[in-house]
Protein backbone atom coordinates (compact mmCIF):
# COMPACT_ATOMS: atom_id res chain seq x y z
CA MET A 1 17.06 -14.32 57.13
CA SER A 2 14.83 -13.95 60.35
CA ILE A 3 14.38 -10.59 61.86
CA THR A 4 13.95 -10.44 65.46
CA ILE A 5 11.43 -8.33 67.18
CA ARG A 6 11.77 -7.66 71.02
CA THR A 7 8.12 -6.95 72.55
CA ALA A 8 8.18 -3.76 74.86
CA LEU A 9 6.31 -5.16 77.50
CA ALA A 10 4.19 -2.51 79.31
CA ALA A 11 1.38 -3.01 81.79
CA VAL A 12 -1.83 -2.99 81.03
CA ALA A 13 -3.52 0.49 81.86
CA LEU A 14 -7.18 1.73 82.08
CA VAL A 15 -7.23 5.40 81.09
CA GLY A 16 -11.05 6.70 81.02
CA GLY A 17 -12.49 3.53 80.45
CA THR A 18 -10.20 2.59 77.99
CA ALA A 19 -7.64 -0.20 77.82
CA LEU A 20 -4.18 0.37 76.14
CA ALA A 21 -1.92 -2.82 75.68
CA ALA A 22 1.00 -2.50 75.19
CA VAL A 23 2.34 -2.24 71.47
CA PRO A 24 5.88 -4.09 69.86
CA ALA A 25 8.63 -2.33 69.70
CA ALA A 26 11.29 -2.80 66.92
CA SER A 27 14.83 -3.40 67.98
CA ALA A 28 17.75 -1.79 66.79
CA ALA A 29 18.55 -4.32 64.01
CA ASP A 30 14.72 -3.56 62.69
CA SER A 31 15.48 -0.31 61.83
CA ALA A 32 18.79 -1.32 59.32
CA PRO A 33 17.73 -2.93 56.13
CA ALA A 34 16.33 -6.17 55.67
CA ALA A 35 18.37 -7.09 53.27
CA ARG A 36 22.54 -7.11 53.84
CA SER A 37 24.48 -5.15 51.42
CA ALA A 38 24.55 -6.80 47.95
CA GLN A 39 28.07 -7.05 47.40
CA ALA A 40 28.39 -9.34 51.14
CA GLY A 41 30.17 -12.65 51.29
CA GLY A 42 31.08 -14.59 48.08
CA PHE A 43 33.41 -13.63 45.00
CA HIS A 44 32.92 -10.49 43.37
CA MET A 45 33.83 -9.33 39.89
CA TYR A 46 33.62 -5.72 38.91
CA LEU A 47 33.49 -4.81 35.38
CA ASP A 48 36.28 -1.87 36.04
CA ASP A 49 39.79 -1.64 38.25
CA ASP A 50 39.27 -0.47 41.71
CA TYR A 51 36.48 -2.31 42.28
CA LYS A 52 34.10 0.28 39.88
CA GLY A 53 32.28 -0.09 37.15
CA GLY A 54 29.68 -3.11 36.83
CA TRP A 55 29.33 -5.37 39.93
CA ALA A 56 29.01 -9.77 40.13
CA HIS A 57 29.19 -11.99 42.18
CA VAL A 58 29.03 -15.82 42.81
CA THR A 59 29.15 -18.26 45.82
CA ARG A 60 30.07 -21.24 44.74
CA THR A 61 31.91 -22.83 41.39
CA ASP A 62 30.96 -21.54 38.18
CA LYS A 63 32.89 -23.45 35.23
CA ASP A 64 31.52 -20.66 32.45
CA LEU A 65 30.97 -17.33 33.69
CA ARG A 66 28.97 -16.70 29.98
CA ASN A 67 25.91 -16.90 32.48
CA ASN A 68 26.44 -14.12 34.73
CA TYR A 69 25.82 -10.48 33.97
CA TRP A 70 26.86 -6.82 34.94
CA ASP A 71 24.42 -4.98 37.60
CA THR A 72 24.35 -2.19 35.53
CA GLU A 73 24.18 -3.38 32.13
CA ASP A 74 22.69 -6.59 30.03
CA LYS A 75 26.54 -7.99 29.06
CA ASN A 76 27.49 -11.17 30.15
CA VAL A 77 30.90 -11.04 32.90
CA ASP A 78 33.19 -13.61 30.99
CA ASN A 79 35.90 -12.01 29.68
CA ASP A 80 35.34 -8.24 31.10
CA THR A 81 36.27 -8.49 34.48
CA SER A 82 39.11 -6.51 35.68
CA SER A 83 39.46 -6.66 39.40
CA VAL A 84 38.16 -8.76 42.35
CA LYS A 85 37.18 -9.14 46.00
CA ASN A 86 37.11 -12.07 47.79
CA GLN A 87 34.73 -12.61 50.40
CA THR A 88 34.63 -16.06 51.50
CA ARG A 89 36.64 -18.72 53.45
CA HIS A 90 37.43 -20.44 50.56
CA TYR A 91 40.85 -20.45 47.79
CA VAL A 92 39.08 -19.32 44.59
CA ASP A 93 40.72 -20.56 41.41
CA MET A 94 40.06 -18.43 38.23
CA TYR A 95 40.64 -19.75 34.81
CA GLN A 96 41.03 -18.14 31.39
CA ASN A 97 38.84 -20.69 30.12
CA VAL A 98 35.47 -21.90 30.15
CA ALA A 99 35.11 -25.60 30.88
CA ASN A 100 35.81 -28.23 28.12
CA ALA A 101 34.24 -30.89 27.25
CA ARG A 102 35.64 -33.00 30.60
CA GLY A 103 34.37 -30.49 32.98
CA ARG A 104 37.92 -28.72 33.55
CA CYS A 105 38.71 -25.29 33.09
CA THR A 106 41.76 -24.38 31.16
CA GLY A 107 44.28 -21.85 30.00
CA ALA A 108 46.40 -18.95 32.31
CA ASN A 109 45.07 -19.07 35.88
CA THR A 110 45.20 -16.93 39.10
CA THR A 111 44.46 -18.34 42.72
CA SER A 112 42.91 -15.66 44.76
CA TYR A 113 43.18 -16.72 48.65
CA PRO A 114 40.33 -15.95 51.30
CA GLY A 115 39.35 -13.01 52.28
CA THR A 116 41.58 -10.91 49.63
CA LYS A 117 40.94 -8.48 47.49
CA ASP A 118 42.60 -7.10 43.90
CA PRO A 119 41.94 -4.13 42.08
CA ASN A 120 44.03 -4.75 38.92
CA LEU A 121 44.33 -8.12 37.60
CA SER A 122 46.20 -7.37 34.51
CA ASN A 123 49.26 -7.87 36.78
CA ASP A 124 48.41 -11.47 36.94
CA ALA A 125 48.61 -14.78 35.07
CA ILE A 126 45.04 -14.21 34.40
CA LYS A 127 45.20 -10.91 33.17
CA ASP A 128 42.63 -8.60 32.61
CA ASN A 129 39.34 -9.12 30.57
CA ARG A 130 40.36 -12.97 30.12
CA LEU A 131 38.74 -14.24 33.84
CA SER A 132 36.05 -17.49 32.55
CA CYS A 133 35.85 -19.80 35.16
CA VAL A 134 36.11 -19.76 38.79
CA ILE A 135 36.59 -22.63 41.03
CA PHE A 136 35.88 -22.64 44.70
CA ARG A 137 38.44 -25.17 47.02
């Protein structure tokens, strides 16, 4: 991410024999945090219902969520997700089981549509605390 800095142009003035040069001025964008919110973009998974508890996200297909961990604890995301937000332009298929030997995720599944969120997975086919694989399409 590049941050654009606007330079204020000022005339060089002589004050008491000393030259004063223009100093770069920060734009309004520079005063915002350099890093965007940790929750911008991606497919977000939450430990608890209503987007609470630990948080983790992926930005592409991940057929084995055992290698993803919550931001609040040293515990993996696999079989522990209760709510999700899909802040992508992709459909994301959520599966109950990690990929098998043929690379296919299996079990109960639910699709998350682009730009949607689900505060409680227990009312979906995937159910609560059963998410193990996500496939972007």
